[in-house]
Amino acid sequence: QVQLVESGGGLVQAGGSLRLSCAASGSIFSINAMGWYRQAPGKQRELVASITSGGSTNYGDSVKGRFTISRDNAKNTVYLQMSSLKPEDTADYYCNALVRTTIATVTMNYWGKGTLVTVSS
């Protein structure tokens, strides 16, 4: 089994910063892409940012220039540095990882339980 555990969420004022972390653990042979998604009340889950094992990144349009995704492959951990936060960034943030548990298995999609980010105006 694979577990993804997020941390770093909380309450911050508009214009402030937060750093989210997500550590993957369990039966892991390799991790391909890792990423962050978010879901605000009444809205669909959307991509915030993703990063491949090689370091290529992709960002949602609403966070480009404000958020930075990074990862530590040795620690199976992905980070999301969020700056210039806006009230509309308020959401539950979910970690995602594409994991192969053994050399013989296919890549499977895993999710964390989420961490709440609240940005006050």
PDB file of N, CA and C in Angstrom:
ATOM      1  N   GLN A   1       0.823  -1.193   0.000  1.00  0.00           N
ATOM      2  CA  GLN A   1       0.000   0.000   0.000  1.00  0.00           C
ATOM      3  C   GLN A   1       0.856   1.241   0.000  1.00  0.00           C
ATOM      4  N   VAL A   2       0.282   2.306  -0.510  1.00  0.00           N
ATOM      5  CA  VAL A   2       0.976   3.584  -0.579  1.00  0.00           C
ATOM      6  C   VAL A   2       0.142   4.634   0.150  1.00  0.00           C
ATOM      7  N   GLN A   3       0.787   5.424   0.951  1.00  0.00           N
ATOM      8  CA  GLN A   3       0.125   6.517   1.657  1.00  0.00           C
ATOM      9  C   GLN A   3       0.756   7.845   1.263  1.00  0.00           C
ATOM     10  N   LEU A   4      -0.093   8.832   1.082  1.00  0.00           N
ATOM     11  CA  LEU A   4       0.344  10.203   0.837  1.00  0.00           C
ATOM     12  C   LEU A   4      -0.172  11.058   1.984  1.00  0.00           C
ATOM     13  N   VAL A   5       0.717  11.751   2.659  1.00  0.00           N
ATOM     14  CA  VAL A   5       0.335  12.564   3.809  1.00  0.00           C
ATOM     15  C   VAL A   5       0.744  14.005   3.561  1.00  0.00           C
ATOM     16  N   GLU A   6      -0.268  14.880   3.510  1.00  0.00           N
ATOM     17  CA  GLU A   6      -0.020  16.308   3.304  1.00  0.00           C
ATOM     18  C   GLU A   6       0.134  17.027   4.641  1.00  0.00           C
ATOM     19  N   SER A   7       0.865  18.121   4.606  1.00  0.00           N
ATOM     20  CA  SER A   7       0.998  18.986   5.770  1.00  0.00           C
ATOM     21  C   SER A   7       1.267  20.408   5.300  1.00  0.00           C
ATOM     22  N   GLY A   8       1.046  21.358   6.210  1.00  0.00           N
ATOM     23  CA  GLY A   8       1.385  22.747   5.915  1.00  0.00           C
ATOM     24  C   GLY A   8       0.222  23.666   5.650  1.00  0.00           C
ATOM     25  N   GLY A   9      -0.979  23.125   5.604  1.00  0.00           N
ATOM     26  CA  GLY A   9      -2.134  23.989   5.381  1.00  0.00           C
ATOM     27  C   GLY A   9      -2.423  24.841   6.600  1.00  0.00           C
ATOM     28  N   GLY A  10      -3.323  25.789   6.422  1.00  0.00           N
ATOM     29  CA  GLY A  10      -3.688  26.658   7.542  1.00  0.00           C
ATOM     30  C   GLY A  10      -4.338  27.924   7.076  1.00  0.00           C
ATOM     31  N   LEU A  11      -4.413  28.880   7.997  1.00  0.00           N
ATOM     32  CA  LEU A  11      -5.033  30.171   7.736  1.00  0.00           C
ATOM     33  C   LEU A  11      -3.953  31.211   7.498  1.00  0.00           C
ATOM     34  N   VAL A  12      -4.111  31.991   6.433  1.00  0.00           N
ATOM     35  CA  VAL A  12      -3.140  33.030   6.099  1.00  0.00           C
ATOM     36  C   VAL A  12      -3.887  34.222   5.526  1.00  0.00           C
ATOM     37  N   GLN A  13      -3.333  35.396   5.712  1.00  0.00           N
ATOM     38  CA  GLN A  13      -3.935  36.599   5.140  1.00  0.00           C
ATOM     39  C   GLN A  13      -3.596  36.730   3.664  1.00  0.00           C
ATOM     40  N   ALA A  14      -4.455  37.412   2.961  1.00  0.00           N
ATOM     41  CA  ALA A  14      -4.194  37.666   1.546  1.00  0.00           C
ATOM     42  C   ALA A  14      -2.832  38.341   1.386  1.00  0.00           C
ATOM     43  N   GLY A  15      -2.100  37.883   0.379  1.00  0.00           N
ATOM     44  CA  GLY A  15      -0.756  38.389   0.145  1.00  0.00           C
ATOM     45  C   GLY A  15       0.326  37.587   0.835  1.00  0.00           C
ATOM     46  N   GLY A  16      -0.078  36.702   1.711  1.00  0.00           N
ATOM     47  CA  GLY A  16       0.877  35.903   2.458  1.00  0.00           C
ATOM     48  C   GLY A  16       1.332  34.664   1.712  1.00  0.00           C
ATOM     49  N   SER A  17       2.097  33.837   2.422  1.00  0.00           N
ATOM     50  CA  SER A  17       2.682  32.635   1.830  1.00  0.00           C
ATOM     51  C   SER A  17       2.449  31.425   2.717  1.00  0.00           C
ATOM     52  N   LEU A  18       2.422  30.276   2.089  1.00  0.00           N
ATOM     53  CA  LEU A  18       2.377  28.992   2.775  1.00  0.00           C
ATOM     54  C   LEU A  18       3.165  27.985   1.971  1.00  0.00           C
ATOM     55  N   ARG A  19       3.672  26.978   2.658  1.00  0.00           N
ATOM     56  CA  ARG A  19       4.372  25.888   1.978  1.00  0.00           C
ATOM     57  C   ARG A  19       3.724  24.570   2.376  1.00  0.00           C
ATOM     58  N   LEU A  20       3.234  23.871   1.370  1.00  0.00           N
ATOM     59  CA  LEU A  20       2.656  22.554   1.586  1.00  0.00           C
ATOM     60  C   LEU A  20       3.696  21.476   1.294  1.00  0.00           C
ATOM     61  N   SER A  21       3.594  20.391   2.048  1.00  0.00           N
ATOM     62  CA  SER A  21       4.457  19.232   1.817  1.00  0.00           C
ATOM     63  C   SER A  21       3.594  17.990   1.708  1.00  0.00           C
ATOM     64  N   CYS A  22       4.072  17.026   0.948  1.00  0.00           N
ATOM     65  CA  CYS A  22       3.383  15.742   0.821  1.00  0.00           C
ATOM     66  C   CYS A  22       4.431  14.647   0.726  1.00  0.00           C
ATOM     67  N   ALA A  23       4.387  13.747   1.684  1.00  0.00           N
ATOM     68  CA  ALA A  23       5.338  12.645   1.721  1.00  0.00           C
ATOM     69  C   ALA A  23       4.637  11.342   1.353  1.00  0.00           C
ATOM     70  N   ALA A  24       5.225  10.621   0.432  1.00  0.00           N
ATOM     71  CA  ALA A  24       4.709   9.314   0.035  1.00  0.00           C
ATOM     72  C   ALA A  24       5.489   8.233   0.771  1.00  0.00           C
ATOM     73  N   SER A  25       4.764   7.226   1.244  1.00  0.00           N
ATOM     74  CA  SER A  25       5.413   6.129   1.952  1.00  0.00           C
ATOM     75  C   SER A  25       4.684   4.825   1.642  1.00  0.00           C
ATOM     76  N   GLY A  26       5.343   3.720   2.017  1.00  0.00           N
ATOM     77  CA  GLY A  26       4.747   2.420   1.768  1.00  0.00           C
ATOM     78  C   GLY A  26       5.539   1.641   0.747  1.00  0.00           C
ATOM     79  N   SER A  27       4.820   0.800   0.028  1.00  0.00           N
ATOM     80  CA  SER A  27       5.463  -0.062  -0.956  1.00  0.00           C
ATOM     81  C   SER A  27       5.652   0.703  -2.268  1.00  0.00           C
ATOM     82  N   ILE A  28       6.819   1.321  -2.406  1.00  0.00           N
ATOM     83  CA  ILE A  28       7.086   2.177  -3.567  1.00  0.00           C
ATOM     84  C   ILE A  28       8.309   1.684  -4.318  1.00  0.00           C
ATOM     85  N   PHE A  29       8.113   1.354  -5.594  1.00  0.00           N
ATOM     86  CA  PHE A  29       9.249   1.039  -6.455  1.00  0.00           C
ATOM     87  C   PHE A  29       9.728   2.300  -7.160  1.00  0.00           C
ATOM     88  N   SER A  30       8.779   3.057  -7.694  1.00  0.00           N
ATOM     89  CA  SER A  30       9.129   4.316  -8.344  1.00  0.00           C
ATOM     90  C   SER A  30       7.906   5.230  -8.366  1.00  0.00           C
ATOM     91  N   ILE A  31       8.171   6.529  -8.440  1.00  0.00           N
ATOM     92  CA  ILE A  31       7.101   7.522  -8.546  1.00  0.00           C
ATOM     93  C   ILE A  31       7.323   8.322  -9.816  1.00  0.00           C
ATOM     94  N   ASN A  32       6.327   8.369 -10.650  1.00  0.00           N
ATOM     95  CA  ASN A  32       6.411   9.184 -11.860  1.00  0.00           C
ATOM     96  C   ASN A  32       6.034  10.623 -11.496  1.00  0.00           C
ATOM     97  N   ALA A  33       4.946  11.115 -11.992  1.00  0.00           N
ATOM     98  CA  ALA A  33       4.548  12.480 -11.686  1.00  0.00           C
ATOM     99  C   ALA A  33       3.963  12.590 -10.283  1.00  0.00           C
ATOM    100  N   MET A  34       4.184  13.732  -9.668  1.00  0.00           N
ATOM    101  CA  MET A  34       3.529  14.095  -8.408  1.00  0.00           C
ATOM    102  C   MET A  34       2.899  15.454  -8.622  1.00  0.00           C
ATOM    103  N   GLY A  35       1.854  15.727  -7.858  1.00  0.00           N
ATOM    104  CA  GLY A  35       1.209  17.006  -8.078  1.00  0.00           C
ATOM    105  C   GLY A  35       0.264  17.392  -6.975  1.00  0.00           C
ATOM    106  N   TRP A  36      -0.267  18.582  -7.147  1.00  0.00           N
ATOM    107  CA  TRP A  36      -1.239  19.144  -6.218  1.00  0.00           C
ATOM    108  C   TRP A  36      -2.501  19.534  -6.986  1.00  0.00           C
ATOM    109  N   TYR A  37      -3.620  19.172  -6.395  1.00  0.00           N
ATOM    110  CA  TYR A  37      -4.924  19.581  -6.901  1.00  0.00           C
ATOM    111  C   TYR A  37      -5.630  20.301  -5.765  1.00  0.00           C
ATOM    112  N   ARG A  38      -6.654  21.063  -6.105  1.00  0.00           N
ATOM    113  CA  ARG A  38      -7.437  21.722  -5.065  1.00  0.00           C
ATOM    114  C   ARG A  38      -8.911  21.681  -5.420  1.00  0.00           C
ATOM    115  N   GLN A  39      -9.716  21.757  -4.376  1.00  0.00           N
ATOM    116  CA  GLN A  39     -11.162  21.764  -4.563  1.00  0.00           C
ATOM    117  C   GLN A  39     -11.780  22.730  -3.570  1.00  0.00           C
ATOM    118  N   ALA A  40     -12.417  23.746  -4.105  1.00  0.00           N
ATOM    119  CA  ALA A  40     -13.138  24.712  -3.288  1.00  0.00           C
ATOM    120  C   ALA A  40     -14.590  24.258  -3.160  1.00  0.00           C
ATOM    121  N   PRO A  41     -15.280  24.713  -2.123  1.00  0.00           N
ATOM    122  CA  PRO A  41     -16.689  24.319  -1.944  1.00  0.00           C
ATOM    123  C   PRO A  41     -17.527  24.629  -3.174  1.00  0.00           C
ATOM    124  N   GLY A  42     -18.261  23.630  -3.637  1.00  0.00           N
ATOM    125  CA  GLY A  42     -19.142  23.818  -4.777  1.00  0.00           C
ATOM    126  C   GLY A  42     -18.453  23.831  -6.121  1.00  0.00           C
ATOM    127  N   LYS A  43     -17.154  23.557  -6.136  1.00  0.00           N
ATOM    128  CA  LYS A  43     -16.408  23.579  -7.396  1.00  0.00           C
ATOM    129  C   LYS A  43     -15.753  22.227  -7.652  1.00  0.00           C
ATOM    130  N   GLN A  44     -15.370  22.015  -8.899  1.00  0.00           N
ATOM    131  CA  GLN A  44     -14.689  20.783  -9.256  1.00  0.00           C
ATOM    132  C   GLN A  44     -13.225  20.837  -8.842  1.00  0.00           C
ATOM    133  N   ARG A  45     -12.655  19.657  -8.624  1.00  0.00           N
ATOM    134  CA  ARG A  45     -11.237  19.583  -8.309  1.00  0.00           C
ATOM    135  C   ARG A  45     -10.447  20.027  -9.544  1.00  0.00           C
ATOM    136  N   GLU A  46      -9.428  20.830  -9.320  1.00  0.00           N
ATOM    137  CA  GLU A  46      -8.626  21.339 -10.432  1.00  0.00           C
ATOM    138  C   GLU A  46      -7.141  21.165 -10.161  1.00  0.00           C
ATOM    139  N   LEU A  47      -6.394  21.055 -11.246  1.00  0.00           N
ATOM    140  CA  LEU A  47      -4.946  20.946 -11.143  1.00  0.00           C
ATOM    141  C   LEU A  47      -4.363  22.277 -10.670  1.00  0.00           C
ATOM    142  N   VAL A  48      -3.494  22.189  -9.679  1.00  0.00           N
ATOM    143  CA  VAL A  48      -2.723  23.354  -9.256  1.00  0.00           C
ATOM    144  C   VAL A  48      -1.345  23.322  -9.915  1.00  0.00           C
ATOM    145  N   ALA A  49      -0.649  22.200  -9.730  1.00  0.00           N
ATOM    146  CA  ALA A  49       0.680  22.058 -10.301  1.00  0.00           C
ATOM    147  C   ALA A  49       1.088  20.594 -10.285  1.00  0.00           C
ATOM    148  N   SER A  50       1.945  20.235 -11.226  1.00  0.00           N
ATOM    149  CA  SER A  50       2.477  18.880 -11.256  1.00  0.00           C
ATOM    150  C   SER A  50       3.945  18.922 -11.637  1.00  0.00           C
ATOM    151  N   ILE A  51       4.648  17.844 -11.298  1.00  0.00           N
ATOM    152  CA  ILE A  51       6.073  17.763 -11.581  1.00  0.00           C
ATOM    153  C   ILE A  51       6.436  16.319 -11.866  1.00  0.00           C
ATOM    154  N   THR A  52       7.219  16.105 -12.919  1.00  0.00           N
ATOM    155  CA  THR A  52       7.647  14.762 -13.259  1.00  0.00           C
ATOM    156  C   THR A  52       8.872  14.371 -12.443  1.00  0.00           C
ATOM    157  N   SER A  53       9.253  13.112 -12.542  1.00  0.00           N
ATOM    158  CA  SER A  53      10.441  12.654 -11.832  1.00  0.00           C
ATOM    159  C   SER A  53      11.698  13.359 -12.342  1.00  0.00           C
ATOM    160  N   GLY A  54      11.634  13.832 -13.563  1.00  0.00           N
ATOM    161  CA  GLY A  54      12.765  14.549 -14.140  1.00  0.00           C
ATOM    162  C   GLY A  54      12.775  16.037 -13.850  1.00  0.00           C
ATOM    163  N   GLY A  55      11.693  16.516 -13.230  1.00  0.00           N
ATOM    164  CA  GLY A  55      11.655  17.920 -12.826  1.00  0.00           C
ATOM    165  C   GLY A  55      10.850  18.835 -13.736  1.00  0.00           C
ATOM    166  N   SER A  56      10.230  18.311 -14.763  1.00  0.00           N
ATOM    167  CA  SER A  56       9.389  19.151 -15.617  1.00  0.00           C
ATOM    168  C   SER A  56       8.114  19.508 -14.878  1.00  0.00           C
ATOM    169  N   THR A  57       7.722  20.770 -14.974  1.00  0.00           N
ATOM    170  CA  THR A  57       6.579  21.260 -14.204  1.00  0.00           C
ATOM    171  C   THR A  57       5.453  21.754 -15.099  1.00  0.00           C
ATOM    172  N   ASN A  58       4.261  21.749 -14.515  1.00  0.00           N
ATOM    173  CA  ASN A  58       3.082  22.246 -15.197  1.00  0.00           C
ATOM    174  C   ASN A  58       2.213  22.927 -14.149  1.00  0.00           C
ATOM    175  N   TYR A  59       1.644  24.091 -14.484  1.00  0.00           N
ATOM    176  CA  TYR A  59       0.859  24.855 -13.526  1.00  0.00           C
ATOM    177  C   TYR A  59      -0.513  25.200 -14.090  1.00  0.00           C
ATOM    178  N   GLY A  60      -1.490  25.279 -13.188  1.00  0.00           N
ATOM    179  CA  GLY A  60      -2.776  25.819 -13.579  1.00  0.00           C
ATOM    180  C   GLY A  60      -2.639  27.303 -13.859  1.00  0.00           C
ATOM    181  N   ASP A  61      -3.451  27.806 -14.767  1.00  0.00           N
ATOM    182  CA  ASP A  61      -3.327  29.206 -15.181  1.00  0.00           C
ATOM    183  C   ASP A  61      -3.481  30.169 -14.007  1.00  0.00           C
ATOM    184  N   SER A  62      -4.332  29.839 -13.061  1.00  0.00           N
ATOM    185  CA  SER A  62      -4.633  30.773 -11.972  1.00  0.00           C
ATOM    186  C   SER A  62      -3.495  30.909 -10.961  1.00  0.00           C
ATOM    187  N   VAL A  63      -2.510  30.028 -10.997  1.00  0.00           N
ATOM    188  CA  VAL A  63      -1.429  30.077 -10.009  1.00  0.00           C
ATOM    189  C   VAL A  63      -0.070  30.356 -10.626  1.00  0.00           C
ATOM    190  N   LYS A  64      -0.005  30.443 -11.933  1.00  0.00           N
ATOM    191  CA  LYS A  64       1.280  30.688 -12.595  1.00  0.00           C
ATOM    192  C   LYS A  64       1.902  31.988 -12.099  1.00  0.00           C
ATOM    193  N   GLY A  65       3.181  31.914 -11.780  1.00  0.00           N
ATOM    194  CA  GLY A  65       3.891  33.083 -11.289  1.00  0.00           C
ATOM    195  C   GLY A  65       3.768  33.301  -9.800  1.00  0.00           C
ATOM    196  N   ARG A  66       2.868  32.561  -9.139  1.00  0.00           N
ATOM    197  CA  ARG A  66       2.681  32.730  -7.688  1.00  0.00           C
ATOM    198  C   ARG A  66       3.063  31.468  -6.910  1.00  0.00           C
ATOM    199  N   PHE A  67       2.838  30.307  -7.502  1.00  0.00           N
ATOM    200  CA  PHE A  67       3.114  29.043  -6.834  1.00  0.00           C
ATOM    201  C   PHE A  67       4.304  28.364  -7.506  1.00  0.00           C
ATOM    202  N   THR A  68       5.060  27.610  -6.713  1.00  0.00           N
ATOM    203  CA  THR A  68       6.187  26.851  -7.225  1.00  0.00           C
ATOM    204  C   THR A  68       6.145  25.436  -6.667  1.00  0.00           C
ATOM    205  N   ILE A  69       6.187  24.466  -7.561  1.00  0.00           N
ATOM    206  CA  ILE A  69       6.208  23.062  -7.143  1.00  0.00           C
ATOM    207  C   ILE A  69       7.633  22.533  -7.240  1.00  0.00           C
ATOM    208  N   SER A  70       7.998  21.686  -6.296  1.00  0.00           N
ATOM    209  CA  SER A  70       9.317  21.050  -6.312  1.00  0.00           C
ATOM    210  C   SER A  70       9.185  19.679  -5.661  1.00  0.00           C
ATOM    211  N   ARG A  71      10.206  18.865  -5.825  1.00  0.00           N
ATOM    212  CA  ARG A  71      10.161  17.539  -5.213  1.00  0.00           C
ATOM    213  C   ARG A  71      11.555  17.084  -4.825  1.00  0.00           C
ATOM    214  N   ASP A  72      11.586  16.222  -3.825  1.00  0.00           N
ATOM    215  CA  ASP A  72      12.813  15.578  -3.379  1.00  0.00           C
ATOM    216  C   ASP A  72      12.621  14.091  -3.649  1.00  0.00           C
ATOM    217  N   ASN A  73      13.213  13.607  -4.713  1.00  0.00           N
ATOM    218  CA  ASN A  73      13.004  12.205  -5.094  1.00  0.00           C
ATOM    219  C   ASN A  73      13.541  11.241  -4.047  1.00  0.00           C
ATOM    220  N   ALA A  74      14.603  11.613  -3.379  1.00  0.00           N
ATOM    221  CA  ALA A  74      15.176  10.732  -2.357  1.00  0.00           C
ATOM    222  C   ALA A  74      14.240  10.557  -1.172  1.00  0.00           C
ATOM    223  N   LYS A  75      13.415  11.566  -0.929  1.00  0.00           N
ATOM    224  CA  LYS A  75      12.483  11.522   0.197  1.00  0.00           C
ATOM    225  C   LYS A  75      11.058  11.217  -0.241  1.00  0.00           C
ATOM    226  N   ASN A  76      10.850  11.017  -1.535  1.00  0.00           N
ATOM    227  CA  ASN A  76       9.497  10.780  -2.066  1.00  0.00           C
ATOM    228  C   ASN A  76       8.525  11.867  -1.599  1.00  0.00           C
ATOM    229  N   THR A  77       8.979  13.091  -1.664  1.00  0.00           N
ATOM    230  CA  THR A  77       8.214  14.221  -1.143  1.00  0.00           C
ATOM    231  C   THR A  77       8.073  15.306  -2.204  1.00  0.00           C
ATOM    232  N   VAL A  78       6.886  15.885  -2.253  1.00  0.00           N
ATOM    233  CA  VAL A  78       6.622  16.995  -3.155  1.00  0.00           C
ATOM    234  C   VAL A  78       6.197  18.200  -2.320  1.00  0.00           C
ATOM    235  N   TYR A  79       6.597  19.366  -2.780  1.00  0.00           N
ATOM    236  CA  TYR A  79       6.322  20.609  -2.058  1.00  0.00           C
ATOM    237  C   TYR A  79       5.551  21.569  -2.964  1.00  0.00           C
ATOM    238  N   LEU A  80       4.798  22.448  -2.334  1.00  0.00           N
ATOM    239  CA  LEU A  80       4.136  23.517  -3.068  1.00  0.00           C
ATOM    240  C   LEU A  80       4.345  24.808  -2.285  1.00  0.00           C
ATOM    241  N   GLN A  81       5.169  25.689  -2.820  1.00  0.00           N
ATOM    242  CA  GLN A  81       5.377  26.994  -2.233  1.00  0.00           C
ATOM    243  C   GLN A  81       4.357  27.949  -2.828  1.00  0.00           C
ATOM    244  N   MET A  82       3.514  28.496  -1.964  1.00  0.00           N
ATOM    245  CA  MET A  82       2.438  29.374  -2.419  1.00  0.00           C
ATOM    246  C   MET A  82       2.708  30.790  -1.917  1.00  0.00           C
ATOM    247  N   SER A  83       2.752  31.725  -2.828  1.00  0.00           N
ATOM    248  CA  SER A  83       3.011  33.120  -2.486  1.00  0.00           C
ATOM    249  C   SER A  83       1.910  34.001  -3.069  1.00  0.00           C
ATOM    250  N   SER A  84       1.856  35.222  -2.582  1.00  0.00           N
ATOM    251  CA  SER A  84       0.839  36.182  -3.049  1.00  0.00           C
ATOM    252  C   SER A  84      -0.551  35.551  -3.035  1.00  0.00           C
ATOM    253  N   LEU A  85      -0.864  34.909  -1.944  1.00  0.00           N
ATOM    254  CA  LEU A  85      -2.127  34.178  -1.853  1.00  0.00           C
ATOM    255  C   LEU A  85      -3.313  35.118  -1.910  1.00  0.00           C
ATOM    256  N   LYS A  86      -4.376  34.614  -2.526  1.00  0.00           N
ATOM    257  CA  LYS A  86      -5.618  35.360  -2.694  1.00  0.00           C
ATOM    258  C   LYS A  86      -6.752  34.595  -2.030  1.00  0.00           C
ATOM    259  N   PRO A  87      -7.804  35.288  -1.647  1.00  0.00           N
ATOM    260  CA  PRO A  87      -8.957  34.575  -1.051  1.00  0.00           C
ATOM    261  C   PRO A  87      -9.485  33.457  -1.945  1.00  0.00           C
ATOM    262  N   GLU A  88      -9.398  33.637  -3.250  1.00  0.00           N
ATOM    263  CA  GLU A  88      -9.882  32.600  -4.166  1.00  0.00           C
ATOM    264  C   GLU A  88      -8.991  31.366  -4.208  1.00  0.00           C
ATOM    265  N   ASP A  89      -7.851  31.404  -3.523  1.00  0.00           N
ATOM    266  CA  ASP A  89      -7.011  30.211  -3.384  1.00  0.00           C
ATOM    267  C   ASP A  89      -7.510  29.311  -2.258  1.00  0.00           C
ATOM    268  N   THR A  90      -8.491  29.766  -1.499  1.00  0.00           N
ATOM    269  CA  THR A  90      -9.041  28.968  -0.408  1.00  0.00           C
ATOM    270  C   THR A  90      -9.646  27.687  -0.949  1.00  0.00           C
ATOM    271  N   ALA A  91      -9.176  26.556  -0.421  1.00  0.00           N
ATOM    272  CA  ALA A  91      -9.641  25.255  -0.898  1.00  0.00           C
ATOM    273  C   ALA A  91      -8.984  24.153  -0.080  1.00  0.00           C
ATOM    274  N   ASP A  92      -9.477  22.952  -0.272  1.00  0.00           N
ATOM    275  CA  ASP A  92      -8.767  21.768   0.192  1.00  0.00           C
ATOM    276  C   ASP A  92      -7.733  21.415  -0.873  1.00  0.00           C
ATOM    277  N   TYR A  93      -6.511  21.227  -0.466  1.00  0.00           N
ATOM    278  CA  TYR A  93      -5.420  20.905  -1.388  1.00  0.00           C
ATOM    279  C   TYR A  93      -5.050  19.433  -1.225  1.00  0.00           C
ATOM    280  N   TYR A  94      -5.046  18.720  -2.352  1.00  0.00           N
ATOM    281  CA  TYR A  94      -4.804  17.283  -2.353  1.00  0.00           C
ATOM    282  C   TYR A  94      -3.502  16.964  -3.096  1.00  0.00           C
ATOM    283  N   CYS A  95      -2.742  16.085  -2.493  1.00  0.00           N
ATOM    284  CA  CYS A  95      -1.528  15.584  -3.123  1.00  0.00           C
ATOM    285  C   CYS A  95      -1.880  14.374  -3.992  1.00  0.00           C
ATOM    286  N   ASN A  96      -1.191  14.255  -5.098  1.00  0.00           N
ATOM    287  CA  ASN A  96      -1.424  13.161  -6.034  1.00  0.00           C
ATOM    288  C   ASN A  96      -0.086  12.603  -6.486  1.00  0.00           C
ATOM    289  N   ALA A  97      -0.034  11.276  -6.673  1.00  0.00           N
ATOM    290  CA  ALA A  97       1.208  10.677  -7.156  1.00  0.00           C
ATOM    291  C   ALA A  97       0.896   9.455  -8.012  1.00  0.00           C
ATOM    292  N   LEU A  98       1.666   9.306  -9.062  1.00  0.00           N
ATOM    293  CA  LEU A  98       1.578   8.132  -9.924  1.00  0.00           C
ATOM    294  C   LEU A  98       2.695   7.184  -9.516  1.00  0.00           C
ATOM    295  N   VAL A  99       2.305   6.068  -8.906  1.00  0.00           N
ATOM    296  CA  VAL A  99       3.269   5.204  -8.222  1.00  0.00           C
ATOM    297  C   VAL A  99       3.264   3.803  -8.818  1.00  0.00           C
ATOM    298  N   ARG A 100       4.455   3.272  -8.966  1.00  0.00           N
ATOM    299  CA  ARG A 100       4.610   1.858  -9.308  1.00  0.00           C
ATOM    300  C   ARG A 100       5.113   1.171  -8.049  1.00  0.00           C
ATOM    301  N   THR A 101       4.389   0.158  -7.587  1.00  0.00           N
ATOM    302  CA  THR A 101       4.758  -0.475  -6.321  1.00  0.00           C
ATOM    303  C   THR A 101       5.802  -1.573  -6.476  1.00  0.00           C
ATOM    304  N   THR A 102       5.855  -2.201  -7.640  1.00  0.00           N
ATOM    305  CA  THR A 102       6.919  -3.153  -7.926  1.00  0.00           C
ATOM    306  C   THR A 102       7.311  -2.999  -9.389  1.00  0.00           C
ATOM    307  N   ILE A 103       8.406  -3.616  -9.774  1.00  0.00           N
ATOM    308  CA  ILE A 103       8.872  -3.505 -11.161  1.00  0.00           C
ATOM    309  C   ILE A 103       7.874  -4.144 -12.123  1.00  0.00           C
ATOM    310  N   ALA A 104       7.056  -5.042 -11.623  1.00  0.00           N
ATOM    311  CA  ALA A 104       6.134  -5.769 -12.491  1.00  0.00           C
ATOM    312  C   ALA A 104       4.745  -5.165 -12.556  1.00  0.00           C
ATOM    313  N   THR A 105       4.454  -4.161 -11.742  1.00  0.00           N
ATOM    314  CA  THR A 105       3.103  -3.608 -11.703  1.00  0.00           C
ATOM    315  C   THR A 105       2.990  -2.347 -12.548  1.00  0.00           C
ATOM    316  N   VAL A 106       1.750  -2.037 -12.894  1.00  0.00           N
ATOM    317  CA  VAL A 106       1.505  -0.815 -13.643  1.00  0.00           C
ATOM    318  C   VAL A 106       1.478   0.369 -12.683  1.00  0.00           C
ATOM    319  N   THR A 107       1.611   1.555 -13.243  1.00  0.00           N
ATOM    320  CA  THR A 107       1.534   2.765 -12.441  1.00  0.00           C
ATOM    321  C   THR A 107       0.093   3.002 -12.003  1.00  0.00           C
ATOM    322  N   MET A 108      -0.078   3.320 -10.740  1.00  0.00           N
ATOM    323  CA  MET A 108      -1.409   3.599 -10.208  1.00  0.00           C
ATOM    324  C   MET A 108      -1.443   4.987  -9.593  1.00  0.00           C
ATOM    325  N   ASN A 109      -2.643   5.527  -9.551  1.00  0.00           N
ATOM    326  CA  ASN A 109      -2.859   6.886  -9.084  1.00  0.00           C
ATOM    327  C   ASN A 109      -3.255   6.870  -7.606  1.00  0.00           C
ATOM    328  N   TYR A 110      -2.540   7.615  -6.780  1.00  0.00           N
ATOM    329  CA  TYR A 110      -2.832   7.693  -5.352  1.00  0.00           C
ATOM    330  C   TYR A 110      -3.103   9.139  -4.951  1.00  0.00           C
ATOM    331  N   TRP A 111      -3.952   9.281  -3.916  1.00  0.00           N
ATOM    332  CA  TRP A 111      -4.330  10.592  -3.414  1.00  0.00           C
ATOM    333  C   TRP A 111      -4.119  10.690  -1.908  1.00  0.00           C
ATOM    334  N   GLY A 112      -3.752  11.865  -1.454  1.00  0.00           N
ATOM    335  CA  GLY A 112      -3.757  12.142  -0.032  1.00  0.00           C
ATOM    336  C   GLY A 112      -5.151  12.529   0.414  1.00  0.00           C
ATOM    337  N   LYS A 113      -5.301  12.752   1.733  1.00  0.00           N
ATOM    338  CA  LYS A 113      -6.615  13.081   2.282  1.00  0.00           C
ATOM    339  C   LYS A 113      -6.912  14.571   2.221  1.00  0.00           C
ATOM    340  N   GLY A 114      -5.916  15.360   1.921  1.00  0.00           N
ATOM    341  CA  GLY A 114      -6.129  16.786   1.756  1.00  0.00           C
ATOM    342  C   GLY A 114      -5.730  17.611   2.959  1.00  0.00           C
ATOM    343  N   THR A 115      -5.385  18.861   2.686  1.00  0.00           N
ATOM    344  CA  THR A 115      -5.094  19.821   3.738  1.00  0.00           C
ATOM    345  C   THR A 115      -5.769  21.136   3.365  1.00  0.00           C
ATOM    346  N   LEU A 116      -6.390  21.767   4.339  1.00  0.00           N
ATOM    347  CA  LEU A 116      -7.180  22.956   4.070  1.00  0.00           C
ATOM    348  C   LEU A 116      -6.313  24.210   4.095  1.00  0.00           C
ATOM    349  N   VAL A 117      -6.450  25.001   3.063  1.00  0.00           N
ATOM    350  CA  VAL A 117      -5.811  26.317   3.001  1.00  0.00           C
ATOM    351  C   VAL A 117      -6.916  27.370   2.972  1.00  0.00           C
ATOM    352  N   THR A 118      -6.847  28.286   3.918  1.00  0.00           N
ATOM    353  CA  THR A 118      -7.833  29.353   3.993  1.00  0.00           C
ATOM    354  C   THR A 118      -7.114  30.688   3.911  1.00  0.00           C
ATOM    355  N   VAL A 119      -7.509  31.499   2.949  1.00  0.00           N
ATOM    356  CA  VAL A 119      -6.898  32.812   2.758  1.00  0.00           C
ATOM    357  C   VAL A 119      -7.936  33.874   3.086  1.00  0.00           C
ATOM    358  N   SER A 120      -7.652  34.659   4.096  1.00  0.00           N
ATOM    359  CA  SER A 120      -8.580  35.700   4.526  1.00  0.00           C
ATOM    360  C   SER A 120      -8.277  37.020   3.813  1.00  0.00           C
ATOM    361  N   SER A 121      -9.324  37.777   3.577  1.00  0.00           N
ATOM    362  CA  SER A 121      -9.151  39.057   2.871  1.00  0.00           C
ATOM    363  C   SER A 121      -8.898  40.207   3.839  1.00  0.00           C
TER     364      SER A 121
END
